[in-house]
C-alpha cells in the first residue's frame, strides 16, 4: 500500500490557507493538496469568484478543484443544509477511493466554516485531520509590527458584539483585544474606540491581498466597506 492509499483510508483533510497571501500557507498544506485527488474550495460569490480558489490555483491544477457555494448570510437552516450536503459529497468521494481535502481561509479552528463541515463529517463517521493555517490575527499584528501580548499580559478574541458598550467592556478586560467579523458594524466599533481611548486601535482590511490596508481608528474614519474582510486589534494598558 502506497502513501496515497494510506491517506485515503477514511481520512479527509481540512486545510487552512491563511489570510490571503498565497505564500502564507504551510509546506504541509501544499504537500497534502498536491497529493489529493480532489480539493474542495468554498465559494461565497454566486458568480464563481473565490479568494480561496485563487490561492489554491497556485499549487493545484484546475481540474482537481471543486467549488462549493456557501451563501453569505446568517440563515441557519439553509447553511446547515449546505454543510450536511457537502459532508455527504465529501464522504462519497472518500468512499470512492479518492484522497480528499477541503480548504478554508485562515485557520480551520478559528471562526471557520470548516468547523461545521467537520462536525457533519464526524457525524458520518469520517476522521478529519486539520492542517493549521496562519490566522488573520497573526497576520494583522505582524503586518502592523506590534506585539499581540508579552509576558504578564493577556489577549481576547471575539466576534464583534452588537453594541459599543459591550465592545468597550471587552477592551477594558484585556491588554489586547481582537475583534473579528467586523462587517457592517464598523460604526459601532468606532464608537467604542472613542469611548475607551485605547493606546492602539487598528483595523486591518484584506490582509495579504492587493487591497491590503491598515487604518488607525484613533485618527481615521475608514469607509463603510472597510469592515468587510477585516480584523480589529485594540491595545490598552487600562485593563481590569
C-alpha atoms as a PDB file:
ATOM      1  CA  UNK A   1       0.000   0.000   0.000  1.00  0.00           C
ATOM      2  CA  UNK A   2       1.496   3.346  -1.022  1.00  0.00           C
ATOM      3  CA  UNK A   3       1.266   6.641   0.892  1.00  0.00           C
ATOM      4  CA  UNK A   4      -1.705   7.838  -1.151  1.00  0.00           C
ATOM      5  CA  UNK A   5      -3.670   4.662  -0.363  1.00  0.00           C
ATOM      6  CA  UNK A   6      -2.933   5.125   3.352  1.00  0.00           C
ATOM      7  CA  UNK A   7      -4.057   8.763   3.279  1.00  0.00           C
ATOM      8  CA  UNK A   8      -7.384   7.952   1.601  1.00  0.00           C
ATOM      9  CA  UNK A   9      -8.237   5.295   4.203  1.00  0.00           C
ATOM     10  CA  UNK A  10     -11.114   7.044   5.950  1.00  0.00           C
ATOM     11  CA  UNK A  11      -9.408  10.419   6.380  1.00  0.00           C
ATOM     12  CA  UNK A  12     -10.343  13.816   4.965  1.00  0.00           C
ATOM     13  CA  UNK A  13      -8.070  16.827   5.381  1.00  0.00           C
ATOM     14  CA  UNK A  14      -9.236  20.265   6.479  1.00  0.00           C
ATOM     15  CA  UNK A  15      -6.623  22.785   5.340  1.00  0.00           C
ATOM     16  CA  UNK A  16      -6.121  26.370   6.479  1.00  0.00           C
ATOM     17  CA  UNK A  17      -4.982  28.681   3.675  1.00  0.00           C
ATOM     18  CA  UNK A  18      -4.003  31.692   5.766  1.00  0.00           C
ATOM     19  CA  UNK A  19      -5.296  35.248   5.367  1.00  0.00           C
ATOM     20  CA  UNK A  20      -4.981  35.667   1.606  1.00  0.00           C
ATOM     21  CA  UNK A  21      -1.345  35.827   0.521  1.00  0.00           C
ATOM     22  CA  UNK A  22      -0.629  32.596  -1.433  1.00  0.00           C
ATOM     23  CA  UNK A  23       2.830  32.476   0.172  1.00  0.00           C
ATOM     24  CA  UNK A  24       1.343  32.338   3.671  1.00  0.00           C
ATOM     25  CA  UNK A  25       0.373  28.672   3.607  1.00  0.00           C
ATOM     26  CA  UNK A  26       2.395  25.859   5.148  1.00  0.00           C
ATOM     27  CA  UNK A  27       4.569  23.392   3.271  1.00  0.00           C
ATOM     28  CA  UNK A  28       2.410  20.624   4.755  1.00  0.00           C
ATOM     29  CA  UNK A  29      -0.716  22.200   3.269  1.00  0.00           C
ATOM     30  CA  UNK A  30       0.952  22.414  -0.132  1.00  0.00           C
ATOM     31  CA  UNK A  31       2.056  18.778   0.007  1.00  0.00           C
ATOM     32  CA  UNK A  32      -1.345  17.439   1.036  1.00  0.00           C
ATOM     33  CA  UNK A  33      -3.128  19.426  -1.679  1.00  0.00           C
ATOM     34  CA  UNK A  34      -0.618  18.153  -4.248  1.00  0.00           C
ATOM     35  CA  UNK A  35      -1.302  14.533  -3.203  1.00  0.00           C
ATOM     36  CA  UNK A  36      -5.074  14.962  -3.093  1.00  0.00           C
ATOM     37  CA  UNK A  37      -7.297  13.795  -5.927  1.00  0.00           C
ATOM     38  CA  UNK A  38      -9.886  16.442  -5.087  1.00  0.00           C
ATOM     39  CA  UNK A  39      -9.522  19.800  -3.343  1.00  0.00           C
ATOM     40  CA  UNK A  40     -12.884  21.293  -2.387  1.00  0.00           C
ATOM     41  CA  UNK A  41     -12.924  25.084  -2.210  1.00  0.00           C
ATOM     42  CA  UNK A  42     -15.613  27.310  -0.639  1.00  0.00           C
ATOM     43  CA  UNK A  43     -17.295  29.867  -2.866  1.00  0.00           C
ATOM     44  CA  UNK A  44     -19.294  32.736  -1.362  1.00  0.00           C
ATOM     45  CA  UNK A  45     -19.996  34.512  -4.652  1.00  0.00           C
ATOM     46  CA  UNK A  46     -22.702  33.215  -6.992  1.00  0.00           C
ATOM     47  CA  UNK A  47     -20.608  34.382  -9.946  1.00  0.00           C
ATOM     48  CA  UNK A  48     -17.892  31.910  -9.025  1.00  0.00           C
ATOM     49  CA  UNK A  49     -15.308  34.264  -7.564  1.00  0.00           C
ATOM     50  CA  UNK A  50     -13.367  32.784  -4.661  1.00  0.00           C
ATOM     51  CA  UNK A  51     -10.276  34.079  -2.862  1.00  0.00           C
ATOM     52  CA  UNK A  52      -9.617  30.549  -1.617  1.00  0.00           C
ATOM     53  CA  UNK A  53      -9.685  29.204  -5.179  1.00  0.00           C
ATOM     54  CA  UNK A  54      -7.221  31.873  -6.323  1.00  0.00           C
ATOM     55  CA  UNK A  55      -4.811  30.735  -3.591  1.00  0.00           C
ATOM     56  CA  UNK A  56      -5.211  27.013  -4.291  1.00  0.00           C
ATOM     57  CA  UNK A  57      -4.597  27.530  -8.026  1.00  0.00           C
ATOM     58  CA  UNK A  58      -1.013  28.458  -7.153  1.00  0.00           C
ATOM     59  CA  UNK A  59      -0.446  24.850  -6.064  1.00  0.00           C
ATOM     60  CA  UNK A  60      -3.124  22.646  -7.640  1.00  0.00           C
ATOM     61  CA  UNK A  61      -4.267  22.070 -11.230  1.00  0.00           C
ATOM     62  CA  UNK A  62      -7.712  23.460 -12.027  1.00  0.00           C
ATOM     63  CA  UNK A  63      -9.139  20.020 -12.848  1.00  0.00           C
ATOM     64  CA  UNK A  64      -8.540  18.857  -9.250  1.00  0.00           C
ATOM     65  CA  UNK A  65     -10.533  21.745  -7.754  1.00  0.00           C
ATOM     66  CA  UNK A  66     -14.236  21.570  -6.961  1.00  0.00           C
ATOM     67  CA  UNK A  67     -16.060  24.631  -5.670  1.00  0.00           C
ATOM     68  CA  UNK A  68     -18.981  24.578  -3.302  1.00  0.00           C
ATOM     69  CA  UNK A  69     -21.243  27.593  -2.824  1.00  0.00           C
ATOM     70  CA  UNK A  70     -21.955  28.962   0.650  1.00  0.00           C
ATOM     71  CA  UNK A  71     -24.281  31.997   0.667  1.00  0.00           C
ATOM     72  CA  UNK A  72     -23.061  34.959   2.707  1.00  0.00           C
ATOM     73  CA  UNK A  73     -25.999  35.134   5.095  1.00  0.00           C
ATOM     74  CA  UNK A  74     -26.982  34.037   8.583  1.00  0.00           C
ATOM     75  CA  UNK A  75     -29.892  31.819   7.571  1.00  0.00           C
ATOM     76  CA  UNK A  76     -29.124  28.953   9.914  1.00  0.00           C
ATOM     77  CA  UNK A  77     -31.320  26.275   8.345  1.00  0.00           C
ATOM     78  CA  UNK A  78     -30.030  26.961   4.836  1.00  0.00           C
ATOM     79  CA  UNK A  79     -26.405  26.893   5.977  1.00  0.00           C
ATOM     80  CA  UNK A  80     -26.898  23.687   7.982  1.00  0.00           C
ATOM     81  CA  UNK A  81     -28.404  22.050   4.912  1.00  0.00           C
ATOM     82  CA  UNK A  82     -25.375  23.110   2.856  1.00  0.00           C
ATOM     83  CA  UNK A  83     -22.946  21.769   5.483  1.00  0.00           C
ATOM     84  CA  UNK A  84     -24.746  18.418   5.577  1.00  0.00           C
ATOM     85  CA  UNK A  85     -24.905  18.246   1.797  1.00  0.00           C
ATOM     86  CA  UNK A  86     -21.195  18.956   1.404  1.00  0.00           C
ATOM     87  CA  UNK A  87     -20.284  16.417   4.091  1.00  0.00           C
ATOM     88  CA  UNK A  88     -22.229  13.743   2.220  1.00  0.00           C
ATOM     89  CA  UNK A  89     -20.478  14.710  -1.030  1.00  0.00           C
ATOM     90  CA  UNK A  90     -17.040  14.575   0.591  1.00  0.00           C
ATOM     91  CA  UNK A  91     -17.793  11.171   2.129  1.00  0.00           C
ATOM     92  CA  UNK A  92     -18.919   9.850  -1.258  1.00  0.00           C
ATOM     93  CA  UNK A  93     -15.604  10.939  -2.783  1.00  0.00           C
ATOM     94  CA  UNK A  94     -13.731   9.255   0.061  1.00  0.00           C
ATOM     95  CA  UNK A  95     -15.757   6.049  -0.275  1.00  0.00           C
ATOM     96  CA  UNK A  96     -14.897   6.002  -3.990  1.00  0.00           C
ATOM     97  CA  UNK A  97     -11.199   5.821  -3.058  1.00  0.00           C
ATOM     98  CA  UNK A  98     -10.200   9.450  -3.578  1.00  0.00           C
ATOM     99  CA  UNK A  99      -7.815  11.385  -1.368  1.00  0.00           C
ATOM    100  CA  UNK A 100      -9.901  14.395  -0.378  1.00  0.00           C
ATOM    101  CA  UNK A 101      -9.105  17.803   1.124  1.00  0.00           C
ATOM    102  CA  UNK A 102     -11.271  20.820   1.734  1.00  0.00           C
ATOM    103  CA  UNK A 103      -9.860  24.248   2.403  1.00  0.00           C
ATOM    104  CA  UNK A 104     -10.777  27.325   4.369  1.00  0.00           C
ATOM    105  CA  UNK A 105      -9.366  30.806   4.715  1.00  0.00           C
ATOM    106  CA  UNK A 106      -7.293  31.483   7.827  1.00  0.00           C
ATOM    107  CA  UNK A 107      -7.120  28.606  10.305  1.00  0.00           C
ATOM    108  CA  UNK A 108      -9.708  25.785  10.273  1.00  0.00           C
ATOM    109  CA  UNK A 109     -10.336  26.053  14.032  1.00  0.00           C
ATOM    110  CA  UNK A 110     -10.947  29.835  14.341  1.00  0.00           C
ATOM    111  CA  UNK A 111     -14.364  31.198  13.260  1.00  0.00           C
ATOM    112  CA  UNK A 112     -14.209  28.874  10.266  1.00  0.00           C
ATOM    113  CA  UNK A 113     -16.798  27.197   8.048  1.00  0.00           C
ATOM    114  CA  UNK A 114     -14.578  24.150   8.388  1.00  0.00           C
ATOM    115  CA  UNK A 115     -15.747  23.703  11.996  1.00  0.00           C
ATOM    116  CA  UNK A 116     -19.319  22.987  10.878  1.00  0.00           C
ATOM    117  CA  UNK A 117     -18.314  20.774   7.947  1.00  0.00           C
ATOM    118  CA  UNK A 118     -16.003  18.809  10.256  1.00  0.00           C
ATOM    119  CA  UNK A 119     -18.861  18.250  12.697  1.00  0.00           C
ATOM    120  CA  UNK A 120     -21.087  16.873   9.936  1.00  0.00           C
ATOM    121  CA  UNK A 121     -18.305  14.592   8.659  1.00  0.00           C
ATOM    122  CA  UNK A 122     -17.693  13.251  12.154  1.00  0.00           C
ATOM    123  CA  UNK A 123     -21.418  12.506  12.447  1.00  0.00           C
ATOM    124  CA  UNK A 124     -20.948  10.342   9.350  1.00  0.00           C
ATOM    125  CA  UNK A 125     -18.035   8.513  10.946  1.00  0.00           C
ATOM    126  CA  UNK A 126     -15.320  10.223   8.898  1.00  0.00           C
ATOM    127  CA  UNK A 127     -11.994  11.130  10.506  1.00  0.00           C
ATOM    128  CA  UNK A 128     -10.933  14.737   9.808  1.00  0.00           C
ATOM    129  CA  UNK A 129      -7.344  15.901  10.181  1.00  0.00           C
ATOM    130  CA  UNK A 130      -6.776  19.646  10.432  1.00  0.00           C
ATOM    131  CA  UNK A 131      -3.809  21.375   8.849  1.00  0.00           C
ATOM    132  CA  UNK A 132      -3.332  24.725  10.618  1.00  0.00           C
ATOM    133  CA  UNK A 133      -3.200  27.969   8.715  1.00  0.00           C
ATOM    134  CA  UNK A 134      -1.813  31.382   9.643  1.00  0.00           C
ATOM    135  CA  UNK A 135      -4.739  33.244  11.157  1.00  0.00           C
ATOM    136  CA  UNK A 136      -5.650  36.837  10.338  1.00  0.00           C
ATOM    137  CA  UNK A 137      -4.789  37.588  13.982  1.00  0.00           C
ATOM    138  CA  UNK A 138      -1.137  36.681  13.489  1.00  0.00           C
ATOM    139  CA  UNK A 139      -1.033  38.238  10.038  1.00  0.00           C
ATOM    140  CA  UNK A 140      -2.515  41.555  11.209  1.00  0.00           C
ATOM    141  CA  UNK A 141      -0.166  42.043  14.166  1.00  0.00           C
ATOM    142  CA  UNK A 142       2.842  41.050  12.056  1.00  0.00           C
ATOM    143  CA  UNK A 143       1.794  43.436   9.298  1.00  0.00           C
ATOM    144  CA  UNK A 144       1.395  46.272  11.803  1.00  0.00           C
ATOM    145  CA  UNK A 145       4.643  45.382  13.589  1.00  0.00           C
ATOM    146  CA  UNK A 146       3.018  45.253  17.020  1.00  0.00           C
ATOM    147  CA  UNK A 147       3.062  42.616  19.759  1.00  0.00           C
ATOM    148  CA  UNK A 148      -0.239  40.892  20.440  1.00  0.00           C
ATOM    149  CA  UNK A 149       0.885  40.255  24.018  1.00  0.00           C
ATOM    150  CA  UNK A 150       4.028  39.931  26.050  1.00  0.00           C
ATOM    151  CA  UNK A 151       4.961  38.493  29.453  1.00  0.00           C
ATOM    152  CA  UNK A 152       2.398  39.357  32.106  1.00  0.00           C
ATOM    153  CA  UNK A 153      -0.276  40.327  29.547  1.00  0.00           C
ATOM    154  CA  UNK A 154      -3.286  38.598  28.026  1.00  0.00           C
ATOM    155  CA  UNK A 155      -5.469  38.931  24.962  1.00  0.00           C
ATOM    156  CA  UNK A 156      -9.009  38.039  23.980  1.00  0.00           C
ATOM    157  CA  UNK A 157     -10.518  37.157  20.610  1.00  0.00           C
ATOM    158  CA  UNK A 158     -14.179  37.886  19.926  1.00  0.00           C
ATOM    159  CA  UNK A 159     -16.745  38.138  17.207  1.00  0.00           C
ATOM    160  CA  UNK A 160     -17.596  41.835  17.246  1.00  0.00           C
ATOM    161  CA  UNK A 161     -20.520  42.461  19.660  1.00  0.00           C
ATOM    162  CA  UNK A 162     -23.542  44.452  18.545  1.00  0.00           C
ATOM    163  CA  UNK A 163     -23.238  47.403  20.950  1.00  0.00           C
ATOM    164  CA  UNK A 164     -20.482  49.879  21.742  1.00  0.00           C
ATOM    165  CA  UNK A 165     -20.861  49.245  25.474  1.00  0.00           C
ATOM    166  CA  UNK A 166     -20.222  45.510  25.034  1.00  0.00           C
ATOM    167  CA  UNK A 167     -17.181  46.236  22.887  1.00  0.00           C
ATOM    168  CA  UNK A 168     -15.849  48.757  25.407  1.00  0.00           C
ATOM    169  CA  UNK A 169     -16.217  46.257  28.269  1.00  0.00           C
ATOM    170  CA  UNK A 170     -14.122  43.710  26.368  1.00  0.00           C
ATOM    171  CA  UNK A 171     -11.478  46.305  25.539  1.00  0.00           C
ATOM    172  CA  UNK A 172     -11.161  47.096  29.245  1.00  0.00           C
ATOM    173  CA  UNK A 173     -10.930  43.381  30.107  1.00  0.00           C
ATOM    174  CA  UNK A 174      -7.713  42.629  28.190  1.00  0.00           C
ATOM    175  CA  UNK A 175      -4.352  44.170  27.399  1.00  0.00           C
ATOM    176  CA  UNK A 176      -5.046  43.345  23.733  1.00  0.00           C
ATOM    177  CA  UNK A 177      -8.440  42.622  22.211  1.00  0.00           C
ATOM    178  CA  UNK A 178      -9.063  41.187  18.765  1.00  0.00           C
ATOM    179  CA  UNK A 179     -12.422  41.668  17.048  1.00  0.00           C
ATOM    180  CA  UNK A 180     -13.279  39.529  14.049  1.00  0.00           C
ATOM    181  CA  UNK A 181     -16.261  39.684  11.706  1.00  0.00           C
ATOM    182  CA  UNK A 182     -16.462  43.481  11.837  1.00  0.00           C
ATOM    183  CA  UNK A 183     -18.635  43.556   8.718  1.00  0.00           C
ATOM    184  CA  UNK A 184     -21.390  46.144   8.764  1.00  0.00           C
ATOM    185  CA  UNK A 185     -20.796  47.097  12.424  1.00  0.00           C
ATOM    186  CA  UNK A 186     -17.758  49.280  11.814  1.00  0.00           C
ATOM    187  CA  UNK A 187     -19.579  52.381  13.095  1.00  0.00           C
ATOM    188  CA  UNK A 188     -20.267  50.629  16.430  1.00  0.00           C
ATOM    189  CA  UNK A 189     -16.597  49.701  16.754  1.00  0.00           C
ATOM    190  CA  UNK A 190     -15.581  53.307  16.085  1.00  0.00           C
ATOM    191  CA  UNK A 191     -17.947  54.498  18.802  1.00  0.00           C
ATOM    192  CA  UNK A 192     -16.374  52.072  21.291  1.00  0.00           C
ATOM    193  CA  UNK A 193     -12.877  53.267  20.373  1.00  0.00           C
ATOM    194  CA  UNK A 194     -13.933  56.852  21.080  1.00  0.00           C
ATOM    195  CA  UNK A 195     -15.332  55.769  24.453  1.00  0.00           C
ATOM    196  CA  UNK A 196     -12.278  53.817  25.596  1.00  0.00           C
ATOM    197  CA  UNK A 197      -9.409  55.872  24.075  1.00  0.00           C
ATOM    198  CA  UNK A 198      -7.078  52.830  23.831  1.00  0.00           C
ATOM    199  CA  UNK A 199      -3.342  53.086  23.226  1.00  0.00           C
ATOM    200  CA  UNK A 200      -3.644  51.381  19.834  1.00  0.00           C
ATOM    201  CA  UNK A 201      -6.687  50.764  17.650  1.00  0.00           C
ATOM    202  CA  UNK A 202      -6.072  49.304  14.202  1.00  0.00           C
ATOM    203  CA  UNK A 203      -8.320  47.879  11.527  1.00  0.00           C
ATOM    204  CA  UNK A 204      -6.547  45.605   9.041  1.00  0.00           C
ATOM    205  CA  UNK A 205      -8.519  45.032   5.860  1.00  0.00           C
ATOM    206  CA  UNK A 206      -7.983  42.341   3.188  1.00  0.00           C
ATOM    207  CA  UNK A 207      -4.685  41.145   4.658  1.00  0.00           C
ATOM    208  CA  UNK A 208      -2.425  39.510   2.104  1.00  0.00           C
ATOM    209  CA  UNK A 209      -4.478  40.726  -0.855  1.00  0.00           C
ATOM    210  CA  UNK A 210      -3.726  43.525  -3.300  1.00  0.00           C
ATOM    211  CA  UNK A 211      -6.097  45.929  -1.496  1.00  0.00           C
ATOM    212  CA  UNK A 212      -4.437  45.340   1.902  1.00  0.00           C
ATOM    213  CA  UNK A 213      -4.891  48.401   4.135  1.00  0.00           C
ATOM    214  CA  UNK A 214      -4.349  49.258   7.798  1.00  0.00           C
ATOM    215  CA  UNK A 215      -6.438  52.044   9.335  1.00  0.00           C
ATOM    216  CA  UNK A 216      -5.617  53.829  12.591  1.00  0.00           C
ATOM    217  CA  UNK A 217      -9.065  54.008  14.175  1.00  0.00           C
ATOM    218  CA  UNK A 218      -7.912  56.699  16.605  1.00  0.00           C
ATOM    219  CA  UNK A 219      -7.296  59.176  13.807  1.00  0.00           C
ATOM    220  CA  UNK A 220      -9.098  57.893  10.712  1.00  0.00           C
ATOM    221  CA  UNK A 221     -12.698  57.021   9.891  1.00  0.00           C
ATOM    222  CA  UNK A 222     -12.490  54.218   7.312  1.00  0.00           C
ATOM    223  CA  UNK A 223     -15.101  53.872   4.568  1.00  0.00           C
ATOM    224  CA  UNK A 224     -18.057  51.663   5.477  1.00  0.00           C
ATOM    225  CA  UNK A 225     -16.939  48.868   3.152  1.00  0.00           C
ATOM    226  CA  UNK A 226     -13.647  48.566   5.101  1.00  0.00           C
ATOM    227  CA  UNK A 227     -15.466  46.370   7.612  1.00  0.00           C
ATOM    228  CA  UNK A 228     -15.607  43.521   5.090  1.00  0.00           C
ATOM    229  CA  UNK A 229     -12.724  41.003   5.315  1.00  0.00           C
ATOM    230  CA  UNK A 230     -11.196  42.935   8.190  1.00  0.00           C
ATOM    231  CA  UNK A 231      -9.976  42.432  11.743  1.00  0.00           C
ATOM    232  CA  UNK A 232      -9.538  44.959  14.559  1.00  0.00           C
ATOM    233  CA  UNK A 233      -6.646  44.941  17.048  1.00  0.00           C
ATOM    234  CA  UNK A 234      -7.139  47.083  20.169  1.00  0.00           C
ATOM    235  CA  UNK A 235      -4.387  47.503  22.772  1.00  0.00           C
ATOM    236  CA  UNK A 236      -4.910  49.163  26.134  1.00  0.00           C
ATOM    237  CA  UNK A 237      -2.900  49.218  29.366  1.00  0.00           C
ATOM    238  CA  UNK A 238      -6.013  50.095  31.339  1.00  0.00           C
ATOM    239  CA  UNK A 239      -7.489  46.617  31.614  1.00  0.00           C
ATOM    240  CA  UNK A 240      -9.321  45.336  34.706  1.00  0.00           C
END
